[in-house]
C-alpha atoms as a PDB file:
ATOM      1  CA  UNK A   1      41.343 -52.431  13.917  1.00  0.00           C
ATOM      2  CA  UNK A   2      37.661 -52.833  13.009  1.00  0.00           C
ATOM      3  CA  UNK A   3      34.958 -51.845  15.485  1.00  0.00           C
ATOM      4  CA  UNK A   4      33.435 -55.338  15.334  1.00  0.00           C
ATOM      5  CA  UNK A   5      36.725 -56.894  16.474  1.00  0.00           C
ATOM      6  CA  UNK A   6      36.885 -54.526  19.452  1.00  0.00           C
ATOM      7  CA  UNK A   7      33.502 -55.548  20.849  1.00  0.00           C
ATOM      8  CA  UNK A   8      33.380 -57.993  23.729  1.00  0.00           C
ATOM      9  CA  UNK A   9      29.880 -59.031  24.820  1.00  0.00           C
ATOM     10  CA  UNK A  10      31.083 -60.142  28.249  1.00  0.00           C
ATOM     11  CA  UNK A  11      32.579 -56.731  29.045  1.00  0.00           C
ATOM     12  CA  UNK A  12      29.506 -54.948  27.662  1.00  0.00           C
ATOM     13  CA  UNK A  13      27.236 -57.116  29.844  1.00  0.00           C
ATOM     14  CA  UNK A  14      29.491 -56.455  32.863  1.00  0.00           C
ATOM     15  CA  UNK A  15      29.253 -52.708  32.237  1.00  0.00           C
ATOM     16  CA  UNK A  16      25.443 -52.840  32.035  1.00  0.00           C
ATOM     17  CA  UNK A  17      25.295 -54.939  35.190  1.00  0.00           C
ATOM     18  CA  UNK A  18      27.449 -52.425  37.091  1.00  0.00           C
ATOM     19  CA  UNK A  19      25.218 -49.561  35.919  1.00  0.00           C
ATOM     20  CA  UNK A  20      22.105 -51.427  37.119  1.00  0.00           C
ATOM     21  CA  UNK A  21      23.672 -52.228  40.507  1.00  0.00           C
ATOM     22  CA  UNK A  22      24.741 -48.601  41.027  1.00  0.00           C
ATOM     23  CA  UNK A  23      21.275 -47.405  39.971  1.00  0.00           C
ATOM     24  CA  UNK A  24      19.559 -49.770  42.428  1.00  0.00           C
ATOM     25  CA  UNK A  25      21.880 -48.668  45.241  1.00  0.00           C
ATOM     26  CA  UNK A  26      21.443 -44.930  44.600  1.00  0.00           C
ATOM     27  CA  UNK A  27      17.672 -45.105  44.085  1.00  0.00           C
ATOM     28  CA  UNK A  28      17.306 -46.989  47.380  1.00  0.00           C
ATOM     29  CA  UNK A  29      19.498 -44.463  49.184  1.00  0.00           C
ATOM     30  CA  UNK A  30      17.759 -41.400  47.729  1.00  0.00           C
ATOM     31  CA  UNK A  31      14.325 -43.028  48.044  1.00  0.00           C
ATOM     32  CA  UNK A  32      12.617 -40.285  46.039  1.00  0.00           C
ATOM     33  CA  UNK A  33      11.046 -41.108  42.675  1.00  0.00           C
ATOM     34  CA  UNK A  34      11.152 -37.502  41.521  1.00  0.00           C
ATOM     35  CA  UNK A  35      14.956 -37.401  41.732  1.00  0.00           C
ATOM     36  CA  UNK A  36      15.883 -40.979  40.876  1.00  0.00           C
ATOM     37  CA  UNK A  37      13.117 -43.557  40.345  1.00  0.00           C
ATOM     38  CA  UNK A  38      13.596 -47.248  41.005  1.00  0.00           C
ATOM     39  CA  UNK A  39      14.134 -49.571  38.039  1.00  0.00           C
ATOM     40  CA  UNK A  40      10.824 -51.333  38.778  1.00  0.00           C
ATOM     41  CA  UNK A  41       9.023 -47.971  38.526  1.00  0.00           C
ATOM     42  CA  UNK A  42      10.656 -47.247  35.166  1.00  0.00           C
ATOM     43  CA  UNK A  43       9.683 -50.684  33.826  1.00  0.00           C
ATOM     44  CA  UNK A  44       6.078 -50.100  34.929  1.00  0.00           C
ATOM     45  CA  UNK A  45       6.098 -46.744  33.122  1.00  0.00           C
ATOM     46  CA  UNK A  46       7.470 -48.351  29.946  1.00  0.00           C
ATOM     47  CA  UNK A  47       4.597 -50.866  30.007  1.00  0.00           C
ATOM     48  CA  UNK A  48       2.083 -48.066  30.621  1.00  0.00           C
ATOM     49  CA  UNK A  49       3.452 -45.944  27.770  1.00  0.00           C
ATOM     50  CA  UNK A  50       3.423 -48.865  25.325  1.00  0.00           C
ATOM     51  CA  UNK A  51      -0.253 -49.503  26.120  1.00  0.00           C
ATOM     52  CA  UNK A  52      -1.283 -45.891  25.467  1.00  0.00           C
ATOM     53  CA  UNK A  53      -3.307 -45.306  22.282  1.00  0.00           C
ATOM     54  CA  UNK A  54      -0.963 -42.521  21.095  1.00  0.00           C
ATOM     55  CA  UNK A  55       2.231 -44.548  21.566  1.00  0.00           C
ATOM     56  CA  UNK A  56       2.649 -45.643  17.946  1.00  0.00           C
ATOM     57  CA  UNK A  57       1.542 -42.221  16.652  1.00  0.00           C
ATOM     58  CA  UNK A  58       4.224 -40.540  18.762  1.00  0.00           C
ATOM     59  CA  UNK A  59       6.896 -42.980  17.568  1.00  0.00           C
ATOM     60  CA  UNK A  60       5.885 -42.819  13.889  1.00  0.00           C
ATOM     61  CA  UNK A  61       5.659 -39.020  13.788  1.00  0.00           C
ATOM     62  CA  UNK A  62       9.058 -38.524  15.417  1.00  0.00           C
ATOM     63  CA  UNK A  63      10.672 -41.099  13.120  1.00  0.00           C
ATOM     64  CA  UNK A  64       9.118 -39.491  10.039  1.00  0.00           C
ATOM     65  CA  UNK A  65      10.369 -36.067  11.085  1.00  0.00           C
ATOM     66  CA  UNK A  66      13.817 -37.543  11.670  1.00  0.00           C
ATOM     67  CA  UNK A  67      14.006 -39.405   8.346  1.00  0.00           C
ATOM     68  CA  UNK A  68      12.579 -36.533   6.284  1.00  0.00           C
ATOM     69  CA  UNK A  69      14.939 -34.015   7.906  1.00  0.00           C
ATOM     70  CA  UNK A  70      17.915 -36.309   7.370  1.00  0.00           C
ATOM     71  CA  UNK A  71      17.183 -36.996   3.688  1.00  0.00           C
ATOM     72  CA  UNK A  72      16.523 -33.336   2.878  1.00  0.00           C
ATOM     73  CA  UNK A  73      19.812 -32.400   4.559  1.00  0.00           C
ATOM     74  CA  UNK A  74      21.565 -35.273   2.731  1.00  0.00           C
ATOM     75  CA  UNK A  75      20.374 -34.148  -0.710  1.00  0.00           C
ATOM     76  CA  UNK A  76      21.266 -30.485  -0.110  1.00  0.00           C
ATOM     77  CA  UNK A  77      24.642 -31.417   1.409  1.00  0.00           C
ATOM     78  CA  UNK A  78      25.627 -33.716  -1.461  1.00  0.00           C
ATOM     79  CA  UNK A  79      24.628 -31.214  -4.159  1.00  0.00           C
ATOM     80  CA  UNK A  80      26.353 -28.242  -2.495  1.00  0.00           C
ATOM     81  CA  UNK A  81      29.289 -30.430  -1.428  1.00  0.00           C
ATOM     82  CA  UNK A  82      29.935 -31.569  -4.999  1.00  0.00           C
ATOM     83  CA  UNK A  83      29.735 -28.008  -6.315  1.00  0.00           C
ATOM     84  CA  UNK A  84      32.027 -26.749  -3.530  1.00  0.00           C
ATOM     85  CA  UNK A  85      34.513 -29.549  -4.159  1.00  0.00           C
ATOM     86  CA  UNK A  86      35.024 -28.362  -7.730  1.00  0.00           C
ATOM     87  CA  UNK A  87      34.426 -24.628  -7.398  1.00  0.00           C
ATOM     88  CA  UNK A  88      36.734 -22.505  -5.244  1.00  0.00           C
ATOM     89  CA  UNK A  89      34.294 -19.553  -5.148  1.00  0.00           C
ATOM     90  CA  UNK A  90      31.378 -21.676  -3.882  1.00  0.00           C
ATOM     91  CA  UNK A  91      33.641 -23.448  -1.370  1.00  0.00           C
ATOM     92  CA  UNK A  92      34.807 -20.152   0.145  1.00  0.00           C
ATOM     93  CA  UNK A  93      31.346 -18.599  -0.046  1.00  0.00           C
ATOM     94  CA  UNK A  94      29.803 -21.474   1.926  1.00  0.00           C
ATOM     95  CA  UNK A  95      32.711 -21.794   4.370  1.00  0.00           C
ATOM     96  CA  UNK A  96      31.557 -19.101   6.860  1.00  0.00           C
ATOM     97  CA  UNK A  97      27.930 -20.221   6.559  1.00  0.00           C
ATOM     98  CA  UNK A  98      28.841 -23.803   7.398  1.00  0.00           C
ATOM     99  CA  UNK A  99      31.088 -22.637  10.252  1.00  0.00           C
ATOM    100  CA  UNK A 100      28.239 -20.597  11.748  1.00  0.00           C
ATOM    101  CA  UNK A 101      25.823 -23.533  11.482  1.00  0.00           C
ATOM    102  CA  UNK A 102      28.349 -25.750  13.313  1.00  0.00           C
ATOM    103  CA  UNK A 103      29.042 -23.251  16.099  1.00  0.00           C
ATOM    104  CA  UNK A 104      25.538 -22.077  17.065  1.00  0.00           C
ATOM    105  CA  UNK A 105      24.174 -24.046  20.053  1.00  0.00           C
ATOM    106  CA  UNK A 106      21.375 -26.505  19.323  1.00  0.00           C
ATOM    107  CA  UNK A 107      19.001 -24.773  21.730  1.00  0.00           C
ATOM    108  CA  UNK A 108      19.425 -21.545  19.722  1.00  0.00           C
ATOM    109  CA  UNK A 109      18.431 -23.379  16.527  1.00  0.00           C
ATOM    110  CA  UNK A 110      15.372 -24.756  18.297  1.00  0.00           C
ATOM    111  CA  UNK A 111      14.226 -21.332  19.508  1.00  0.00           C
ATOM    112  CA  UNK A 112      14.835 -19.705  16.108  1.00  0.00           C
ATOM    113  CA  UNK A 113      12.973 -22.509  14.307  1.00  0.00           C
ATOM    114  CA  UNK A 114       9.995 -22.100  16.659  1.00  0.00           C
ATOM    115  CA  UNK A 115       9.939 -18.358  15.916  1.00  0.00           C
ATOM    116  CA  UNK A 116      10.114 -18.846  12.148  1.00  0.00           C
ATOM    117  CA  UNK A 117       7.829 -21.873  11.778  1.00  0.00           C
ATOM    118  CA  UNK A 118       4.828 -23.382  13.533  1.00  0.00           C
ATOM    119  CA  UNK A 119       5.217 -26.229  16.025  1.00  0.00           C
ATOM    120  CA  UNK A 120       4.581 -28.946  13.413  1.00  0.00           C
ATOM    121  CA  UNK A 121       7.310 -27.855  10.987  1.00  0.00           C
ATOM    122  CA  UNK A 122       9.985 -26.476  13.337  1.00  0.00           C
ATOM    123  CA  UNK A 123      11.462 -29.947  14.155  1.00  0.00           C
ATOM    124  CA  UNK A 124      12.148 -30.510  10.429  1.00  0.00           C
ATOM    125  CA  UNK A 125      14.224 -27.325  10.167  1.00  0.00           C
ATOM    126  CA  UNK A 126      16.092 -28.201  13.373  1.00  0.00           C
ATOM    127  CA  UNK A 127      17.005 -31.655  12.045  1.00  0.00           C
ATOM    128  CA  UNK A 128      18.090 -30.286   8.655  1.00  0.00           C
ATOM    129  CA  UNK A 129      20.294 -27.568  10.148  1.00  0.00           C
ATOM    130  CA  UNK A 130      21.992 -29.977  12.551  1.00  0.00           C
ATOM    131  CA  UNK A 131      22.637 -32.682   9.927  1.00  0.00           C
ATOM    132  CA  UNK A 132      23.714 -30.437   7.037  1.00  0.00           C
ATOM    133  CA  UNK A 133      27.199 -29.357   8.251  1.00  0.00           C
ATOM    134  CA  UNK A 134      28.216 -32.950   9.024  1.00  0.00           C
ATOM    135  CA  UNK A 135      27.038 -34.336   5.680  1.00  0.00           C
ATOM    136  CA  UNK A 136      28.323 -31.329   3.725  1.00  0.00           C
ATOM    137  CA  UNK A 137      31.844 -31.537   5.157  1.00  0.00           C
ATOM    138  CA  UNK A 138      31.941 -35.292   4.581  1.00  0.00           C
ATOM    139  CA  UNK A 139      30.984 -34.769   0.934  1.00  0.00           C
ATOM    140  CA  UNK A 140      33.519 -31.992   0.347  1.00  0.00           C
ATOM    141  CA  UNK A 141      36.339 -33.885   2.076  1.00  0.00           C
ATOM    142  CA  UNK A 142      35.644 -37.049   0.087  1.00  0.00           C
ATOM    143  CA  UNK A 143      36.224 -35.021  -3.092  1.00  0.00           C
ATOM    144  CA  UNK A 144      39.175 -32.905  -1.955  1.00  0.00           C
ATOM    145  CA  UNK A 145      40.966 -35.748  -0.155  1.00  0.00           C
ATOM    146  CA  UNK A 146      40.299 -38.449  -2.718  1.00  0.00           C
ATOM    147  CA  UNK A 147      42.761 -40.918  -4.180  1.00  0.00           C
ATOM    148  CA  UNK A 148      45.245 -38.588  -5.942  1.00  0.00           C
ATOM    149  CA  UNK A 149      46.885 -41.400  -7.933  1.00  0.00           C
ATOM    150  CA  UNK A 150      43.521 -42.557  -9.224  1.00  0.00           C
ATOM    151  CA  UNK A 151      42.605 -38.986 -10.179  1.00  0.00           C
ATOM    152  CA  UNK A 152      45.870 -38.559 -12.061  1.00  0.00           C
ATOM    153  CA  UNK A 153      45.311 -41.806 -13.930  1.00  0.00           C
ATOM    154  CA  UNK A 154      41.804 -40.727 -14.950  1.00  0.00           C
ATOM    155  CA  UNK A 155      43.123 -37.327 -16.066  1.00  0.00           C
ATOM    156  CA  UNK A 156      45.754 -38.996 -18.228  1.00  0.00           C
ATOM    157  CA  UNK A 157      43.020 -40.919 -20.069  1.00  0.00           C
ATOM    158  CA  UNK A 158      41.055 -37.674 -20.588  1.00  0.00           C
ATOM    159  CA  UNK A 159      37.897 -39.048 -18.985  1.00  0.00           C
ATOM    160  CA  UNK A 160      34.994 -36.587 -19.110  1.00  0.00           C
ATOM    161  CA  UNK A 161      34.035 -34.698 -15.970  1.00  0.00           C
ATOM    162  CA  UNK A 162      30.645 -36.397 -15.799  1.00  0.00           C
ATOM    163  CA  UNK A 163      32.148 -39.898 -16.066  1.00  0.00           C
ATOM    164  CA  UNK A 164      34.793 -38.984 -13.491  1.00  0.00           C
ATOM    165  CA  UNK A 165      32.091 -37.710 -11.153  1.00  0.00           C
ATOM    166  CA  UNK A 166      30.034 -40.900 -11.440  1.00  0.00           C
ATOM    167  CA  UNK A 167      32.918 -43.366 -11.467  1.00  0.00           C
ATOM    168  CA  UNK A 168      35.082 -41.892  -8.714  1.00  0.00           C
ATOM    169  CA  UNK A 169      33.641 -39.042  -6.687  1.00  0.00           C
ATOM    170  CA  UNK A 170      30.074 -40.303  -6.201  1.00  0.00           C
ATOM    171  CA  UNK A 171      31.479 -43.633  -5.078  1.00  0.00           C
ATOM    172  CA  UNK A 172      33.812 -41.884  -2.616  1.00  0.00           C
ATOM    173  CA  UNK A 173      30.897 -39.835  -1.279  1.00  0.00           C
ATOM    174  CA  UNK A 174      28.755 -42.946  -0.774  1.00  0.00           C
ATOM    175  CA  UNK A 175      31.526 -44.737   1.113  1.00  0.00           C
ATOM    176  CA  UNK A 176      32.317 -41.689   3.280  1.00  0.00           C
ATOM    177  CA  UNK A 177      28.694 -40.960   4.181  1.00  0.00           C
ATOM    178  CA  UNK A 178      27.970 -44.630   4.897  1.00  0.00           C
ATOM    179  CA  UNK A 179      30.543 -44.469   7.722  1.00  0.00           C
ATOM    180  CA  UNK A 180      28.703 -41.629   9.506  1.00  0.00           C
ATOM    181  CA  UNK A 181      25.090 -42.213   8.497  1.00  0.00           C
ATOM    182  CA  UNK A 182      24.016 -44.010  11.694  1.00  0.00           C
ATOM    183  CA  UNK A 183      25.581 -41.520  14.109  1.00  0.00           C
ATOM    184  CA  UNK A 184      24.238 -38.578  12.089  1.00  0.00           C
ATOM    185  CA  UNK A 185      20.696 -39.941  11.950  1.00  0.00           C
ATOM    186  CA  UNK A 186      20.738 -40.700  15.689  1.00  0.00           C
ATOM    187  CA  UNK A 187      21.794 -37.089  16.295  1.00  0.00           C
ATOM    188  CA  UNK A 188      19.035 -35.810  14.001  1.00  0.00           C
ATOM    189  CA  UNK A 189      16.403 -37.914  15.774  1.00  0.00           C
ATOM    190  CA  UNK A 190      17.518 -36.607  19.179  1.00  0.00           C
ATOM    191  CA  UNK A 191      17.409 -32.928  18.144  1.00  0.00           C
ATOM    192  CA  UNK A 192      14.043 -33.451  16.434  1.00  0.00           C
ATOM    193  CA  UNK A 193      12.709 -34.866  19.711  1.00  0.00           C
ATOM    194  CA  UNK A 194      14.232 -31.885  21.549  1.00  0.00           C
ATOM    195  CA  UNK A 195      12.400 -29.598  19.126  1.00  0.00           C
ATOM    196  CA  UNK A 196       9.180 -31.465  19.870  1.00  0.00           C
ATOM    197  CA  UNK A 197       9.707 -30.957  23.607  1.00  0.00           C
ATOM    198  CA  UNK A 198       9.740 -27.179  23.092  1.00  0.00           C
ATOM    199  CA  UNK A 199       7.330 -26.961  20.167  1.00  0.00           C
ATOM    200  CA  UNK A 200       4.694 -29.432  21.382  1.00  0.00           C
ATOM    201  CA  UNK A 201       3.249 -30.752  18.092  1.00  0.00           C
ATOM    202  CA  UNK A 202       0.115 -32.876  18.374  1.00  0.00           C
ATOM    203  CA  UNK A 203       2.050 -36.165  18.171  1.00  0.00           C
ATOM    204  CA  UNK A 204       5.705 -36.842  18.897  1.00  0.00           C
ATOM    205  CA  UNK A 205       8.028 -38.383  21.449  1.00  0.00           C
ATOM    206  CA  UNK A 206       9.075 -34.912  22.622  1.00  0.00           C
ATOM    207  CA  UNK A 207       5.457 -33.988  23.255  1.00  0.00           C
ATOM    208  CA  UNK A 208       5.022 -37.115  25.364  1.00  0.00           C
ATOM    209  CA  UNK A 209       8.212 -36.373  27.320  1.00  0.00           C
ATOM    210  CA  UNK A 210       7.037 -32.821  28.002  1.00  0.00           C
ATOM    211  CA  UNK A 211       3.757 -34.247  29.315  1.00  0.00           C
ATOM    212  CA  UNK A 212       5.672 -36.434  31.762  1.00  0.00           C
ATOM    213  CA  UNK A 213       7.746 -33.429  32.841  1.00  0.00           C
ATOM    214  CA  UNK A 214       4.662 -31.307  33.521  1.00  0.00           C
ATOM    215  CA  UNK A 215       3.348 -34.077  35.768  1.00  0.00           C
ATOM    216  CA  UNK A 216       6.736 -34.408  37.547  1.00  0.00           C
ATOM    217  CA  UNK A 217       6.807 -38.030  36.409  1.00  0.00           C
ATOM    218  CA  UNK A 218      10.556 -38.680  36.351  1.00  0.00           C
ATOM    219  CA  UNK A 219       9.939 -42.409  35.896  1.00  0.00           C
ATOM    220  CA  UNK A 220       8.027 -41.631  32.706  1.00  0.00           C
ATOM    221  CA  UNK A 221      10.858 -39.448  31.402  1.00  0.00           C
ATOM    222  CA  UNK A 222      13.414 -42.222  32.025  1.00  0.00           C
ATOM    223  CA  UNK A 223      11.020 -44.696  30.415  1.00  0.00           C
ATOM    224  CA  UNK A 224      10.947 -42.586  27.265  1.00  0.00           C
ATOM    225  CA  UNK A 225      14.747 -42.266  27.347  1.00  0.00           C
ATOM    226  CA  UNK A 226      15.022 -46.064  27.302  1.00  0.00           C
ATOM    227  CA  UNK A 227      12.411 -46.320  24.524  1.00  0.00           C
ATOM    228  CA  UNK A 228      14.325 -43.757  22.418  1.00  0.00           C
ATOM    229  CA  UNK A 229      17.591 -45.638  23.042  1.00  0.00           C
ATOM    230  CA  UNK A 230      15.978 -48.878  21.836  1.00  0.00           C
ATOM    231  CA  UNK A 231      14.503 -47.022  18.862  1.00  0.00           C
ATOM    232  CA  UNK A 232      17.923 -45.612  17.922  1.00  0.00           C
ATOM    233  CA  UNK A 233      19.453 -49.079  18.234  1.00  0.00           C
ATOM    234  CA  UNK A 234      16.830 -50.589  15.905  1.00  0.00           C
ATOM    235  CA  UNK A 235      17.085 -47.793  13.316  1.00  0.00           C
ATOM    236  CA  UNK A 236      20.899 -48.037  13.419  1.00  0.00           C
ATOM    237  CA  UNK A 237      20.719 -51.747  12.606  1.00  0.00           C
ATOM    238  CA  UNK A 238      18.247 -51.113   9.764  1.00  0.00           C
ATOM    239  CA  UNK A 239      20.395 -48.316   8.300  1.00  0.00           C
ATOM    240  CA  UNK A 240      23.563 -50.429   8.602  1.00  0.00           C
ATOM    241  CA  UNK A 241      21.800 -53.299   6.804  1.00  0.00           C
ATOM    242  CA  UNK A 242      20.657 -51.160   3.859  1.00  0.00           C
ATOM    243  CA  UNK A 243      23.914 -49.203   3.523  1.00  0.00           C
ATOM    244  CA  UNK A 244      25.773 -52.521   3.618  1.00  0.00           C
ATOM    245  CA  UNK A 245      23.537 -53.847   0.839  1.00  0.00           C
ATOM    246  CA  UNK A 246      24.115 -50.657  -1.176  1.00  0.00           C
ATOM    247  CA  UNK A 247      27.889 -50.861  -0.916  1.00  0.00           C
ATOM    248  CA  UNK A 248      28.158 -54.615  -1.432  1.00  0.00           C
ATOM    249  CA  UNK A 249      25.803 -54.460  -4.383  1.00  0.00           C
ATOM    250  CA  UNK A 250      28.155 -52.241  -6.377  1.00  0.00           C
ATOM    251  CA  UNK A 251      31.776 -52.298  -7.485  1.00  0.00           C
ATOM    252  CA  UNK A 252      33.946 -49.497  -6.139  1.00  0.00           C
ATOM    253  CA  UNK A 253      37.300 -48.349  -7.465  1.00  0.00           C
ATOM    254  CA  UNK A 254      38.079 -45.625  -4.926  1.00  0.00           C
ATOM    255  CA  UNK A 255      39.505 -47.762  -2.086  1.00  0.00           C
END
C-alpha cells in the first residue's frame, strides 16, 4: 500500500489538535516558561526570530551546509558503492569501515569533527559522515539485489559492462536513493544543526539555538524547533518534486 493512500488529513488534524490541547493543559499546570512555555509565548518568539536581521543568514548557512554535506556524501557513496558492488575485495575492505561509521554515536562524530576542523567546517564533516553509510549501503544493495532475470538476459546478449552499468545499475541506484533522499537529507540537516550548536559558527541555526539556551529562553528554543520542522517540510517537498521530475523524465527498465 502506498504512503499517499495511508494518509488521512482528518486523523492528522485530530492528532495535532490533541497535542495542542495537552500542551496547553500541561503548560498551564506547570506555569513555568523555562520548563514548558505557553504556545502564545512560542508564537511570539517565532515572530521575534523572523524579524531578526540574522534570521535569513542563519537559515541559508545551515541549509547550504546541509546540502553540500549531503551531495558530497552522495557522490562518494555512489562511486564507492558501485566499485564495492562489483569488486569483492573493495566490498570486504569497506565493510568494517562502514560498520564503524554506523555504530559510533552522533555526539562522538561531532566532538571529533570539532577537534579536527574549525567551527565553520566541522558541520560539513558531521553531515558527510552521517549520510555516507546510508547512501553507500543503498547503492551497494541496489547492485547486489538487482533484478536477476534482467541481469541474466543482458549477460546472454553480451552487453558491455559500461552499457550494463548505465542501462541497469545506475537506474536502480537512482530509484533506490530517491526513496530515501528526503529522510536522509532531513537527518543530515539535523546533525549539521547539532554540530553548529557545539561549534558555534558565525551564522547558523545551531548558533541561534545555543544563544537561546545561554539565555535560558526555552520559548526561543521551541520556536527554532518549529522553524526547523517547517524548513524540513519545505525542503522535503522540493526534493520530492525534483526527484519525481528526474524519475518521470526518464525510461527505466529495472522495475
